[in-house]
Amino acid sequence: MTTVVLVRHGLTHLTGPVLAGWTPNLHLDERGEAQAAAVAERLRPLPLTAVVSSPLDRCLDTAGAVLAGRDLELQVDDRLGECRYGDWTGRPLKELAKDPLWKVVQAHPSAVVFPGPEGEALRDTQARAVAAVRHWNAELGPDATWLACSHGDVIKAVVADAMGLHLDQFQRIVIDPCSVTVIRYTELRPFVVRVNDTGGGVADLLPPPRKGRRRKAASSDAAVGGGAGTG
């Protein structure tokens, strides 16, 4: 069982009013720095095997806060980078909402290819992000708990895949800045443990203690009836 902790980057001065995309040199603002410090403190109890980040500065800043005090080297994976919004990049969302493509993004995102030579299909964003997660799962092994710092639409796409949802349903998922989303991947299926979590402890995410030399293998079975939880 590999546990992936997905963290969205903290706030920047563009987050919200403007579609930042791959805008260069866009760092966390004071609010985002505070958010990154807070999520780093929340996650401090977790024995992370690796921290992997999107190459964009706002994610590197956030991942760097998580790494502080840990004996780990930051890994960067372009596949966790933001969707390439093409000609939409850097434009106000209020303006984009008037574009006919906006309705397609809302209702049928699997059909969307963003305009311009740098524009990407949302389905390709999902494919590369899921491939990155699967790659690091295999690279780090079944006992790993690792963190991926990425972007809202990217994390939504990974969650949709883990839930077995068509990409056209991914707009039903909300991923706030510096929220924590957790997916456990077993041999049979992934389990979505948390989505858009912005507060509280992480004791339930700690790996189970080893019994002797070996850790008990995680079950791929779902708890029929919902189970009693981990609290």
Foldseek 3Di string as FASTA:
>chain_A
DEKEKEWEFFDFPQPPFAQAAQPAPTAHDPRRLVLLLVLLVQCVVAPAPAEEEAPHHRLVSSSVSNCVPPPYDYHYDNLQEGAQQAPRHGDTPVVVCPDPCVVCCQQPLQPDFHDHPRTGRLVSSLVSLLVVVVVVPVVRDQQGYHYYYHHFSSVLSNVCVQVVHDSSPSVVAGADHRFIWMWHQDPVGIDTDDGNHRDDHCVLVYADDDDPPHRDHDDPDADVVRDDDRD
